[in-house]
C-alpha atoms as a PDB file:
ATOM      1  CA  MET A   1      50.084 100.049  97.863  1.00  0.00           C
ATOM      2  CA  PRO A   2      53.525  99.573  99.334  1.00  0.00           C
ATOM      3  CA  GLU A   3      54.022  96.182  98.267  1.00  0.00           C
ATOM      4  CA  ASN A   4      53.327  96.863  94.546  1.00  0.00           C
ATOM      5  CA  PRO A   5      56.642  96.226  92.704  1.00  0.00           C
ATOM      6  CA  TRP A   6      56.498  99.186  90.705  1.00  0.00           C
ATOM      7  CA  VAL A   7      55.851 101.378  93.751  1.00  0.00           C
ATOM      8  CA  GLN A   8      59.269 100.047  94.883  1.00  0.00           C
ATOM      9  CA  ILE A   9      60.871 100.883  91.529  1.00  0.00           C
ATOM     10  CA  TYR A  10      59.754 104.575  92.185  1.00  0.00           C
ATOM     11  CA  ARG A  11      60.860 104.135  95.729  1.00  0.00           C
ATOM     12  CA  ALA A  12      64.080 103.521  94.455  1.00  0.00           C
ATOM     13  CA  ARG A  13      64.125 106.052  92.147  1.00  0.00           C
ATOM     14  CA  LEU A  14      63.381 108.727  94.944  1.00  0.00           C
ATOM     15  CA  TYR A  15      66.252 107.184  96.832  1.00  0.00           C
ATOM     16  CA  GLU A  16      68.561 107.961  93.852  1.00  0.00           C
ATOM     17  CA  ALA A  17      67.440 111.452  93.442  1.00  0.00           C
ATOM     18  CA  ALA A  18      68.082 112.089  97.012  1.00  0.00           C
ATOM     19  CA  SER A  19      71.481 110.647  96.669  1.00  0.00           C
ATOM     20  CA  LYS A  20      70.678 107.815  99.002  1.00  0.00           C
ATOM     21  CA  ASN A  21      72.309 105.389  96.850  1.00  0.00           C
ATOM     22  CA  ASP A  22      73.028 102.619  99.405  1.00  0.00           C
ATOM     23  CA  GLN A  23      69.252 102.446 100.184  1.00  0.00           C
ATOM     24  CA  ALA A  24      68.299 102.602  96.247  1.00  0.00           C
ATOM     25  CA  GLU A  25      70.661  99.632  95.746  1.00  0.00           C
ATOM     26  CA  GLN A  26      68.969  97.589  98.669  1.00  0.00           C
ATOM     27  CA  VAL A  27      65.587  98.026  97.131  1.00  0.00           C
ATOM     28  CA  TYR A  28      66.896  97.127  93.550  1.00  0.00           C
ATOM     29  CA  ARG A  29      68.418  94.100  94.623  1.00  0.00           C
ATOM     30  CA  GLN A  30      65.522  92.945  96.844  1.00  0.00           C
ATOM     31  CA  LEU A  31      63.244  93.090  93.699  1.00  0.00           C
ATOM     32  CA  LEU A  32      65.807  91.225  91.480  1.00  0.00           C
ATOM     33  CA  ARG A  33      65.438  88.582  94.273  1.00  0.00           C
ATOM     34  CA  ASP A  34      61.868  88.434  94.698  1.00  0.00           C
ATOM     35  CA  VAL A  35      60.142  89.545  91.511  1.00  0.00           C
ATOM     36  CA  THR A  36      59.868  87.651  88.216  1.00  0.00           C
ATOM     37  CA  ASN A  37      58.087  90.272  85.901  1.00  0.00           C
ATOM     38  CA  PRO A  38      60.678  90.781  83.295  1.00  0.00           C
ATOM     39  CA  LYS A  39      59.919  94.280  83.053  1.00  0.00           C
ATOM     40  CA  ILE A  40      60.366  94.910  86.806  1.00  0.00           C
ATOM     41  CA  ALA A  41      63.440  93.012  86.577  1.00  0.00           C
ATOM     42  CA  LEU A  42      64.731  95.092  83.892  1.00  0.00           C
ATOM     43  CA  ALA A  43      63.994  98.086  85.515  1.00  0.00           C
ATOM     44  CA  ALA A  44      65.845  97.153  88.670  1.00  0.00           C
ATOM     45  CA  ARG A  45      68.862  96.104  86.681  1.00  0.00           C
ATOM     46  CA  GLN A  46      68.909  99.347  84.838  1.00  0.00           C
ATOM     47  CA  GLY A  47      68.768 101.118  88.135  1.00  0.00           C
ATOM     48  CA  LEU A  48      71.810  99.126  89.568  1.00  0.00           C
ATOM     49  CA  GLN A  49      73.716 100.122  86.513  1.00  0.00           C
ATOM     50  CA  ARG A  50      73.059 103.751  87.042  1.00  0.00           C
ATOM     51  CA  LEU A  51      74.396 103.455  90.616  1.00  0.00           C
ATOM     52  CA  GLN A  52      77.517 101.792  89.380  1.00  0.00           C
ATOM     53  CA  ASP A  53      77.885 104.357  86.517  1.00  0.00           C
ATOM     54  CA  ALA A  54      77.500 107.228  89.211  1.00  0.00           C
ATOM     55  CA  VAL A  55      80.043 105.524  91.541  1.00  0.00           C
ATOM     56  CA  VAL A  56      82.448 105.304  88.611  1.00  0.00           C
ATOM     57  CA  ALA A  57      81.976 108.593  87.420  1.00  0.00           C
ATOM     58  CA  GLU A  58      82.598 110.140  90.948  1.00  0.00           C
ATOM     59  CA  ARG A  59      85.703 107.974  91.401  1.00  0.00           C
ATOM     60  CA  GLN A  60      87.194 109.297  88.157  1.00  0.00           C
ATOM     61  CA  GLN A  61      86.430 112.763  89.252  1.00  0.00           C
ATOM     62  CA  LYS A  62      88.172 112.332  92.701  1.00  0.00           C
ATOM     63  CA  VAL A  63      91.238 110.719  91.128  1.00  0.00           C
ATOM     64  CA  ALA A  64      91.660 113.482  88.541  1.00  0.00           C
ATOM     65  CA  ALA A  65      91.297 116.059  91.276  1.00  0.00           C
ATOM     66  CA  ALA A  66      93.767 114.182  93.459  1.00  0.00           C
ATOM     67  CA  VAL A  67      96.288 113.991  90.275  1.00  0.00           C
ATOM     68  CA  ALA A  68      96.020 117.298  89.347  1.00  0.00           C
ATOM     69  CA  ALA A  69      97.206 118.655  92.804  1.00  0.00           C
ATOM     70  CA  PRO A  70     100.819 120.062  92.658  1.00  0.00           C
ATOM     71  CA  GLY A  71     103.485 117.268  93.123  1.00  0.00           C
ATOM     72  CA  ARG A  72     100.650 114.499  93.159  1.00  0.00           C
ATOM     73  CA  ASP A  73     101.317 113.227  89.349  1.00  0.00           C
ATOM     74  CA  GLU A  74     104.424 111.382  90.421  1.00  0.00           C
ATOM     75  CA  PRO A  75     104.633 107.601  90.555  1.00  0.00           C
ATOM     76  CA  GLY A  76     104.334 105.505  93.663  1.00  0.00           C
ATOM     77  CA  VAL A  77     103.296 102.399  95.101  1.00  0.00           C
ATOM     78  CA  LEU A  78     100.129 101.340  97.482  1.00  0.00           C
ATOM     79  CA  VAL A  79     100.732  98.639 100.173  1.00  0.00           C
ATOM     80  CA  PHE A  80      98.302  96.747 102.223  1.00  0.00           C
ATOM     81  CA  GLU A  81      98.828  95.727 105.674  1.00  0.00           C
ATOM     82  CA  SER A  82      97.566  92.621 107.345  1.00  0.00           C
ATOM     83  CA  ILE A  83      94.445  93.004 109.387  1.00  0.00           C
ATOM     84  CA  ALA A  84      93.041  90.879 112.350  1.00  0.00           C
ATOM     85  CA  PRO A  85      90.826  87.872 110.992  1.00  0.00           C
ATOM     86  CA  GLU A  86      87.800  88.873 112.878  1.00  0.00           C
ATOM     87  CA  MET A  87      87.669  92.318 110.872  1.00  0.00           C
ATOM     88  CA  ARG A  88      88.358  90.842 107.498  1.00  0.00           C
ATOM     89  CA  GLN A  89      84.649  90.123 106.609  1.00  0.00           C
ATOM     90  CA  ALA A  90      83.715  93.682 107.320  1.00  0.00           C
ATOM     91  CA  ALA A  91      86.727  95.282 105.813  1.00  0.00           C
ATOM     92  CA  ALA A  92      86.353  93.320 102.487  1.00  0.00           C
ATOM     93  CA  GLN A  93      82.741  95.040 102.340  1.00  0.00           C
ATOM     94  CA  GLN A  94      84.347  98.446 102.407  1.00  0.00           C
ATOM     95  CA  LEU A  95      87.197  97.414 100.226  1.00  0.00           C
ATOM     96  CA  ALA A  96      84.965  96.226  97.622  1.00  0.00           C
ATOM     97  CA  LYS A  97      83.164  99.363  97.191  1.00  0.00           C
ATOM     98  CA  ILE A  98      86.336 101.412  97.043  1.00  0.00           C
ATOM     99  CA  PHE A  99      87.746  99.333  94.380  1.00  0.00           C
ATOM    100  CA  GLN A 100      84.636  98.296  92.830  1.00  0.00           C
ATOM    101  CA  VAL A 101      85.303  94.569  92.972  1.00  0.00           C
ATOM    102  CA  GLU A 102      83.190  91.710  94.465  1.00  0.00           C
ATOM    103  CA  PRO A 103      83.539  91.133  98.142  1.00  0.00           C
ATOM    104  CA  TYR A 104      85.292  87.620  97.716  1.00  0.00           C
ATOM    105  CA  ALA A 105      87.803  89.344  95.369  1.00  0.00           C
ATOM    106  CA  ALA A 106      88.454  92.155  97.885  1.00  0.00           C
ATOM    107  CA  ARG A 107      88.988  89.710 100.594  1.00  0.00           C
ATOM    108  CA  MET A 108      91.732  88.134  98.800  1.00  0.00           C
ATOM    109  CA  LEU A 109      93.549  91.359  98.270  1.00  0.00           C
ATOM    110  CA  MET A 110      94.186  91.584 101.990  1.00  0.00           C
ATOM    111  CA  PRO A 111      97.151  89.643 103.269  1.00  0.00           C
ATOM    112  CA  ASN A 112      97.058  87.054 105.818  1.00  0.00           C
ATOM    113  CA  ARG A 113     100.334  88.401 107.468  1.00  0.00           C
ATOM    114  CA  GLY A 114     102.918  91.282 106.710  1.00  0.00           C
ATOM    115  CA  TRP A 115     102.556  93.434 103.904  1.00  0.00           C
ATOM    116  CA  LYS A 116     101.125  92.846 100.203  1.00  0.00           C
ATOM    117  CA  LEU A 117     102.172  95.433  97.518  1.00  0.00           C
ATOM    118  CA  TYR A 118      98.871  95.955  95.614  1.00  0.00           C
ATOM    119  CA  LYS A 119      99.117  98.863  93.183  1.00  0.00           C
ATOM    120  CA  ALA A 120     101.540 100.905  91.173  1.00  0.00           C
ATOM    121  CA  GLY A 121     100.315 104.547  89.994  1.00  0.00           C
ATOM    122  CA  THR A 122     100.421 108.071  90.509  1.00  0.00           C
ATOM    123  CA  ILE A 123     100.721 109.232  94.368  1.00  0.00           C
ATOM    124  CA  GLY A 124      97.646 111.289  94.129  1.00  0.00           C
ATOM    125  CA  GLU A 125      95.459 108.716  93.226  1.00  0.00           C
ATOM    126  CA  LEU A 126      97.033 105.991  95.687  1.00  0.00           C
ATOM    127  CA  ASP A 127      97.040 108.565  98.471  1.00  0.00           C
ATOM    128  CA  LEU A 128      93.301 108.988  97.758  1.00  0.00           C
ATOM    129  CA  TYR A 129      92.524 105.146  97.998  1.00  0.00           C
ATOM    130  CA  ARG A 130      94.632 105.071 101.128  1.00  0.00           C
ATOM    131  CA  SER A 131      92.473 107.660 102.872  1.00  0.00           C
ATOM    132  CA  GLN A 132      89.502 105.746 101.949  1.00  0.00           C
ATOM    133  CA  MET A 133      90.773 102.828 103.243  1.00  0.00           C
ATOM    134  CA  ALA A 134      92.065 104.663 106.500  1.00  0.00           C
ATOM    135  CA  ALA A 135      88.377 105.990 106.920  1.00  0.00           C
ATOM    136  CA  ALA A 136      87.143 102.386 106.697  1.00  0.00           C
ATOM    137  CA  LYS A 137      89.788 101.227 109.249  1.00  0.00           C
ATOM    138  CA  ILE A 138      91.737  99.280 106.554  1.00  0.00           C
ATOM    139  CA  PRO A 139      95.578  99.710 107.208  1.00  0.00           C
ATOM    140  CA  ALA A 140      97.608 100.667 104.208  1.00  0.00           C
ATOM    141  CA  PHE A 141     100.191 103.042 103.218  1.00  0.00           C
ATOM    142  CA  CYS A 142     101.770 104.682  99.878  1.00  0.00           C
ATOM    143  CA  VAL A 143     105.142 105.642  99.285  1.00  0.00           C
ATOM    144  CA  ALA A 144     106.479 107.787  96.189  1.00  0.00           C
ATOM    145  CA  THR A 145     108.626 105.569  93.885  1.00  0.00           C
ATOM    146  CA  ASP A 146     111.736 108.183  94.032  1.00  0.00           C
ATOM    147  CA  ARG A 147     112.022 107.677  97.826  1.00  0.00           C
ATOM    148  CA  LEU A 148     112.314 103.967  97.135  1.00  0.00           C
ATOM    149  CA  GLN A 149     115.242 104.468  95.081  1.00  0.00           C
ATOM    150  CA  SER A 150     117.618 106.364  97.515  1.00  0.00           C
ATOM    151  CA  LEU A 151     117.788 104.534 100.652  1.00  0.00           C
ATOM    152  CA  PRO A 152     120.981 105.650 102.653  1.00  0.00           C
ATOM    153  CA  VAL A 153     122.649 102.494 103.298  1.00  0.00           C
ATOM    154  CA  LEU A 154     125.914 101.773 105.111  1.00  0.00           C
ATOM    155  CA  SER A 155     127.357  98.273 104.996  1.00  0.00           C
ATOM    156  CA  VAL A 156     128.403  97.168 108.676  1.00  0.00           C
ATOM    157  CA  LYS A 157     131.628  94.784 108.549  1.00  0.00           C
ATOM    158  CA  TYR A 158     131.532  94.273 112.407  1.00  0.00           C
ATOM    159  CA  LEU A 159     130.441  95.449 115.702  1.00  0.00           C
ATOM    160  CA  GLN A 160     133.564  97.283 117.564  1.00  0.00           C
ATOM    161  CA  ASP A 161     131.824  98.125 120.981  1.00  0.00           C
ATOM    162  CA  PHE A 162     128.577  98.286 122.316  1.00  0.00           C
ATOM    163  CA  GLU A 163     128.873 100.298 125.877  1.00  0.00           C
ATOM    164  CA  PRO A 164     127.844 102.734 126.485  1.00  0.00           C
ATOM    165  CA  GLN A 165     126.985 103.296 122.999  1.00  0.00           C
ATOM    166  CA  ALA A 166     127.213 101.175 119.822  1.00  0.00           C
ATOM    167  CA  VAL A 167     130.297 101.625 117.730  1.00  0.00           C
ATOM    168  CA  MET A 168     129.929  99.754 114.372  1.00  0.00           C
ATOM    169  CA  VAL A 169     132.558  99.642 111.681  1.00  0.00           C
ATOM    170  CA  CYS A 170     131.186 100.194 108.022  1.00  0.00           C
ATOM    171  CA  GLU A 171     132.264 100.378 104.497  1.00  0.00           C
ATOM    172  CA  GLN A 172     131.719 103.933 103.543  1.00  0.00           C
ATOM    173  CA  GLN A 173     130.735 105.008  99.904  1.00  0.00           C
ATOM    174  CA  ASP A 174     134.403 105.410  98.771  1.00  0.00           C
ATOM    175  CA  LYS A 175     135.009 101.799 100.065  1.00  0.00           C
ATOM    176  CA  THR A 176     137.091 102.739 102.880  1.00  0.00           C
ATOM    177  CA  LEU A 177     136.212 101.858 106.417  1.00  0.00           C
ATOM    178  CA  GLY A 178     134.834 103.937 109.243  1.00  0.00           C
ATOM    179  CA  GLU A 179     133.546 104.025 112.459  1.00  0.00           C
ATOM    180  CA  VAL A 180     129.800 104.975 113.022  1.00  0.00           C
ATOM    181  CA  LYS A 181     128.728 105.653 116.842  1.00  0.00           C
ATOM    182  CA  PHE A 182     125.190 105.929 118.002  1.00  0.00           C
ATOM    183  CA  ALA A 183     123.202 105.177 120.749  1.00  0.00           C
ATOM    184  CA  TRP A 184     120.838 102.105 120.869  1.00  0.00           C
ATOM    185  CA  SER A 185     117.618 104.221 121.304  1.00  0.00           C
ATOM    186  CA  GLU A 186     118.507 105.817 117.865  1.00  0.00           C
ATOM    187  CA  VAL A 187     117.413 102.561 116.065  1.00  0.00           C
ATOM    188  CA  THR A 188     113.748 102.647 115.589  1.00  0.00           C
ATOM    189  CA  GLN A 189     112.918  99.585 113.600  1.00  0.00           C
ATOM    190  CA  ILE A 190     114.753  96.309 112.499  1.00  0.00           C
ATOM    191  CA  ILE A 191     113.834  94.614 109.015  1.00  0.00           C
ATOM    192  CA  GLU A 192     114.866  91.048 108.406  1.00  0.00           C
ATOM    193  CA  GLY A 193     115.120  88.627 105.801  1.00  0.00           C
ATOM    194  CA  ALA A 194     116.525  85.523 103.976  1.00  0.00           C
ATOM    195  CA  LEU A 195     117.483  86.011 100.389  1.00  0.00           C
ATOM    196  CA  PRO A 196     117.664  82.835  98.329  1.00  0.00           C
ATOM    197  CA  ILE A 197     120.978  82.018  96.267  1.00  0.00           C
ATOM    198  CA  PHE A 198     120.341  80.474  93.049  1.00  0.00           C
ATOM    199  CA  GLU A 199     122.722  78.149  90.830  1.00  0.00           C
ATOM    200  CA  ARG A 200     122.046  76.709  87.225  1.00  0.00           C
ATOM    201  CA  VAL A 201     122.135  73.159  87.085  1.00  0.00           C
ATOM    202  CA  VAL A 202     121.624  70.555  84.434  1.00  0.00           C
ATOM    203  CA  ASP A 203     118.692  68.018  84.764  1.00  0.00           C
ATOM    204  CA  THR A 204     120.659  64.606  84.536  1.00  0.00           C
ATOM    205  CA  SER A 205     117.437  62.451  84.515  1.00  0.00           C
ATOM    206  CA  PRO A 206     115.319  63.749  81.459  1.00  0.00           C
ATOM    207  CA  ARG A 207     112.393  62.101  80.138  1.00  0.00           C
ATOM    208  CA  GLU A 208     113.071  59.592  77.513  1.00  0.00           C
ATOM    209  CA  GLY A 209     113.635  61.506  74.306  1.00  0.00           C
ATOM    210  CA  ALA A 210     113.904  64.829  75.808  1.00  0.00           C
ATOM    211  CA  GLU A 211     116.977  66.933  75.752  1.00  0.00           C
ATOM    212  CA  ARG A 212     118.586  67.738  78.674  1.00  0.00           C
ATOM    213  CA  GLN A 213     117.530  70.998  80.483  1.00  0.00           C
ATOM    214  CA  ARG A 214     119.266  73.784  82.610  1.00  0.00           C
ATOM    215  CA  LYS A 215     117.114  74.822  85.457  1.00  0.00           C
ATOM    216  CA  GLU A 216     117.408  77.068  88.414  1.00  0.00           C
ATOM    217  CA  THR A 217     117.599  75.709  91.899  1.00  0.00           C
ATOM    218  CA  THR A 218     117.893  77.473  95.459  1.00  0.00           C
ATOM    219  CA  GLN A 219     121.239  76.577  96.694  1.00  0.00           C
ATOM    220  CA  ASP A 220     121.448  78.563 100.049  1.00  0.00           C
ATOM    221  CA  TYR A 221     119.981  81.674 101.766  1.00  0.00           C
ATOM    222  CA  VAL A 222     121.767  84.591 102.779  1.00  0.00           C
ATOM    223  CA  ARG A 223     120.470  86.434 106.012  1.00  0.00           C
ATOM    224  CA  ILE A 224     120.353  89.932 105.862  1.00  0.00           C
ATOM    225  CA  CYS A 225     119.208  92.690 108.535  1.00  0.00           C
ATOM    226  CA  ASP A 226     118.569  96.481 108.404  1.00  0.00           C
ATOM    227  CA  PHE A 227     118.762  98.918 111.482  1.00  0.00           C
ATOM    228  CA  HIS A 228     117.006 102.069 110.572  1.00  0.00           C
ATOM    229  CA  LEU A 229     118.395 105.475 112.075  1.00  0.00           C
ATOM    230  CA  PRO A 230     115.902 107.893 110.616  1.00  0.00           C
ATOM    231  CA  SER A 231     117.174 111.052 112.964  1.00  0.00           C
ATOM    232  CA  ARG A 232     120.696 110.377 111.159  1.00  0.00           C
ATOM    233  CA  ASN A 233     119.026 109.708 107.826  1.00  0.00           C
ATOM    234  CA  MET A 234     120.901 106.346 108.023  1.00  0.00           C
ATOM    235  CA  VAL A 235     120.437 102.430 107.491  1.00  0.00           C
ATOM    236  CA  LEU A 236     122.989  99.897 108.614  1.00  0.00           C
ATOM    237  CA  ARG A 237     122.758  96.846 106.911  1.00  0.00           C
ATOM    238  CA  LEU A 238     124.340  93.420 108.141  1.00  0.00           C
ATOM    239  CA  HIS A 239     124.383  90.373 106.102  1.00  0.00           C
ATOM    240  CA  ASP A 240     126.128  87.114 107.154  1.00  0.00           C
ATOM    241  CA  ARG A 241     128.193  86.908 103.630  1.00  0.00           C
ATOM    242  CA  THR A 242     130.149  90.043 104.411  1.00  0.00           C
ATOM    243  CA  TYR A 243     130.023  90.377 108.201  1.00  0.00           C
ATOM    244  CA  SER A 244     133.343  89.814 109.710  1.00  0.00           C
ATOM    245  CA  PHE A 245     132.739  87.689 112.704  1.00  0.00           C
ATOM    246  CA  HIS A 246     136.438  87.084 113.584  1.00  0.00           C
ATOM    247  CA  GLU A 247     136.753  90.910 114.167  1.00  0.00           C
ATOM    248  CA  GLY A 248     135.108  92.929 117.095  1.00  0.00           C
ATOM    249  CA  VAL A 249     132.919  91.712 119.747  1.00  0.00           C
ATOM    250  CA  ALA A 250     132.280  87.894 119.663  1.00  0.00           C
ATOM    251  CA  PHE A 251     129.035  86.652 119.759  1.00  0.00           C
ATOM    252  CA  ALA A 252     129.696  82.835 120.019  1.00  0.00           C
ATOM    253  CA  ASP A 253     131.951  80.529 122.157  1.00  0.00           C
ATOM    254  CA  GLU A 254     134.485  79.458 119.490  1.00  0.00           C
ATOM    255  CA  GLY A 255     135.829  76.713 122.254  1.00  0.00           C
ATOM    256  CA  SER A 256     132.450  75.041 122.119  1.00  0.00           C
ATOM    257  CA  ILE A 257     131.071  75.291 118.541  1.00  0.00           C
ATOM    258  CA  ASP A 258     132.721  75.296 115.136  1.00  0.00           C
ATOM    259  CA  ALA A 259     133.603  79.123 114.739  1.00  0.00           C
ATOM    260  CA  ALA A 260     133.349  78.804 110.734  1.00  0.00           C
ATOM    261  CA  ASN A 261     129.586  78.184 111.260  1.00  0.00           C
ATOM    262  CA  THR A 262     127.934  81.145 109.844  1.00  0.00           C
ATOM    263  CA  ARG A 263     124.422  80.311 110.804  1.00  0.00           C
ATOM    264  CA  ILE A 264     125.318  79.828 114.485  1.00  0.00           C
ATOM    265  CA  GLN A 265     127.328  83.070 114.602  1.00  0.00           C
ATOM    266  CA  TRP A 266     124.806  84.905 113.106  1.00  0.00           C
ATOM    267  CA  ASN A 267     122.078  83.819 115.206  1.00  0.00           C
ATOM    268  CA  ALA A 268     124.212  84.757 118.042  1.00  0.00           C
ATOM    269  CA  LEU A 269     124.779  88.222 116.724  1.00  0.00           C
ATOM    270  CA  MET A 270     120.984  88.976 116.105  1.00  0.00           C
ATOM    271  CA  THR A 271     120.139  87.750 119.400  1.00  0.00           C
ATOM    272  CA  PHE A 272     122.662  90.019 120.955  1.00  0.00           C
ATOM    273  CA  LEU A 273     121.618  93.064 118.984  1.00  0.00           C
ATOM    274  CA  LYS A 274     118.070  92.712 119.804  1.00  0.00           C
ATOM    275  CA  GLN A 275     118.555  92.744 123.483  1.00  0.00           C
ATOM    276  CA  HIS A 276     119.710  96.262 123.062  1.00  0.00           C
ATOM    277  CA  MET A 277     116.674  97.277 120.966  1.00  0.00           C
ATOM    278  CA  HIS A 278     113.359  97.013 121.787  1.00  0.00           C
ATOM    279  CA  VAL A 279     111.885  98.322 118.631  1.00  0.00           C
ATOM    280  CA  PRO A 280     109.326  96.848 116.022  1.00  0.00           C
ATOM    281  CA  ILE A 281     110.908  94.024 113.981  1.00  0.00           C
ATOM    282  CA  TRP A 282     109.586  93.478 110.148  1.00  0.00           C
ATOM    283  CA  SER A 283     110.184  89.845 109.496  1.00  0.00           C
ATOM    284  CA  GLU A 284     107.366  88.889 106.769  1.00  0.00           C
ATOM    285  CA  PHE A 285     109.937  89.618 103.972  1.00  0.00           C
ATOM    286  CA  THR A 286     109.540  86.286 102.012  1.00  0.00           C
ATOM    287  CA  PRO A 287     105.418  86.505 101.700  1.00  0.00           C
ATOM    288  CA  PHE A 288     106.089  90.210 100.666  1.00  0.00           C
ATOM    289  CA  ALA A 289     108.750  89.172  97.994  1.00  0.00           C
ATOM    290  CA  GLU A 290     106.440  86.569  96.229  1.00  0.00           C
ATOM    291  CA  ILE A 291     104.117  89.250  95.664  1.00  0.00           C
ATOM    292  CA  ALA A 292     106.634  91.882  94.532  1.00  0.00           C
ATOM    293  CA  MET A 293     107.946  89.513  92.038  1.00  0.00           C
ATOM    294  CA  GLU A 294     104.681  90.257  90.139  1.00  0.00           C
ATOM    295  CA  PHE A 295     105.959  93.898  89.515  1.00  0.00           C
ATOM    296  CA  PRO A 296     109.144  93.372  87.576  1.00  0.00           C
ATOM    297  CA  HIS A 297     109.226  96.832  86.106  1.00  0.00           C
ATOM    298  CA  LEU A 298     109.187  98.297  89.625  1.00  0.00           C
ATOM    299  CA  LEU A 299     111.993  95.962  90.843  1.00  0.00           C
ATOM    300  CA  GLU A 300     113.931  96.781  87.697  1.00  0.00           C
ATOM    301  CA  THR A 301     114.128 100.361  88.950  1.00  0.00           C
ATOM    302  CA  ILE A 302     115.757  99.492  92.275  1.00  0.00           C
ATOM    303  CA  LYS A 303     119.326  99.030  92.613  1.00  0.00           C
ATOM    304  CA  PRO A 304     119.924  97.056  95.637  1.00  0.00           C
ATOM    305  CA  GLN A 305     122.931  97.864  97.668  1.00  0.00           C
ATOM    306  CA  ILE A 306     123.259  94.248  98.525  1.00  0.00           C
ATOM    307  CA  HIS A 307     126.665  92.656  96.884  1.00  0.00           C
ATOM    308  CA  LEU A 308     126.134  88.926  96.307  1.00  0.00           C
ATOM    309  CA  PHE A 309     128.937  87.219  94.252  1.00  0.00           C
ATOM    310  CA  GLY A 310     127.478  85.658  91.081  1.00  0.00           C
ATOM    311  CA  GLN A 311     123.847  86.992  91.829  1.00  0.00           C
ATOM    312  CA  GLU A 312     123.814  90.171  89.766  1.00  0.00           C
ATOM    313  CA  ASN A 313     120.229  89.396  88.609  1.00  0.00           C
ATOM    314  CA  ASN A 314     118.607  88.247  91.639  1.00  0.00           C
ATOM    315  CA  SER A 315     115.559  89.892  91.903  1.00  0.00           C
ATOM    316  CA  TRP A 316     115.129  89.066  95.628  1.00  0.00           C
ATOM    317  CA  ALA A 317     117.716  91.438  96.629  1.00  0.00           C
ATOM    318  CA  ALA A 318     115.733  94.214  94.780  1.00  0.00           C
ATOM    319  CA  ALA A 319     112.736  93.190  96.751  1.00  0.00           C
ATOM    320  CA  PHE A 320     114.672  93.190 100.156  1.00  0.00           C
ATOM    321  CA  GLU A 321     115.823  96.877  99.321  1.00  0.00           C
ATOM    322  CA  LEU A 322     112.173  97.782  98.329  1.00  0.00           C
ATOM    323  CA  TYR A 323     110.780  96.147 101.815  1.00  0.00           C
ATOM    324  CA  SER A 324     113.170  98.076 103.675  1.00  0.00           C
ATOM    325  CA  ALA A 325     112.550 101.241 101.952  1.00  0.00           C
ATOM    326  CA  LEU A 326     109.004 100.901 102.309  1.00  0.00           C
ATOM    327  CA  ALA A 327     109.706 100.445 106.128  1.00  0.00           C
ATOM    328  CA  TYR A 328     111.777 103.401 106.319  1.00  0.00           C
ATOM    329  CA  TRP A 329     109.255 105.839 104.616  1.00  0.00           C
ATOM    330  CA  ARG A 330     106.279 104.224 105.779  1.00  0.00           C
ATOM    331  CA  ASP A 331     105.462 106.845 108.375  1.00  0.00           C
ATOM    332  CA  ARG A 332     107.335 109.860 107.043  1.00  0.00           C
END
């Protein structure tokens, strides 16, 4: 009597006993859709609950084993990478199983572009999730927090020469200037971003009866760019507020433009440098930073090596330091 609902219940129980949980779940859900008998419905719901409990228990065991491994209990972060639109639906189904959420919620976890900071936890647990996602062809990576706090940055003052190799004048750790010579091929990736500069202003047109209030507005943006040279354990950082455009190689025709126009000078500089480096460019900083703001405790541990006058508490600087550090350690 294969159509008898109780036979289907027993069939699902046999699937459970054989550890064929996907088949068992399919039968239970089919019964809940098609059968109105309350006892059958209760048995099906109980079966689904057992399957969910088994998944949770197995997940807890795997996490415990991953964290127990030597050196795997240190803190870290898990980052989702964007995925092609045509693959998002299938990926959401797999991600829902990994994190035990609804497929719609799983779909919302995946970024449409760039990277999305998803979770902070122990590196053992996060690496377990990363490996499960890799098996499902969902791109992600994780990095230990202590690495994110030690990005080896040198601040570039200007480009002294570019042939046959690059010569950049940089500020050393002791605040003195020194030359860094390198082949263009040593640069492996470029990280770009724009940091908002905030100022506090007084609202001069409050509602009737309301007191004037101070609020924070965006005054301008600082353009910033990192060049990664992992073979030297070095990051060269340029930003338009500290780069000396009047020194070294000139990148714009001062006779035809306003030499004080920093934006034009900066764009000319970036165009020139990118012509010498055919490497990946990570430029989706803004959507990454907007999500990173939801992790204030993590950003507080990041000490940005970015000097912005009057912006000591600008969390966007910490977010860019985090973004660049994630790119630096992503494949290492």
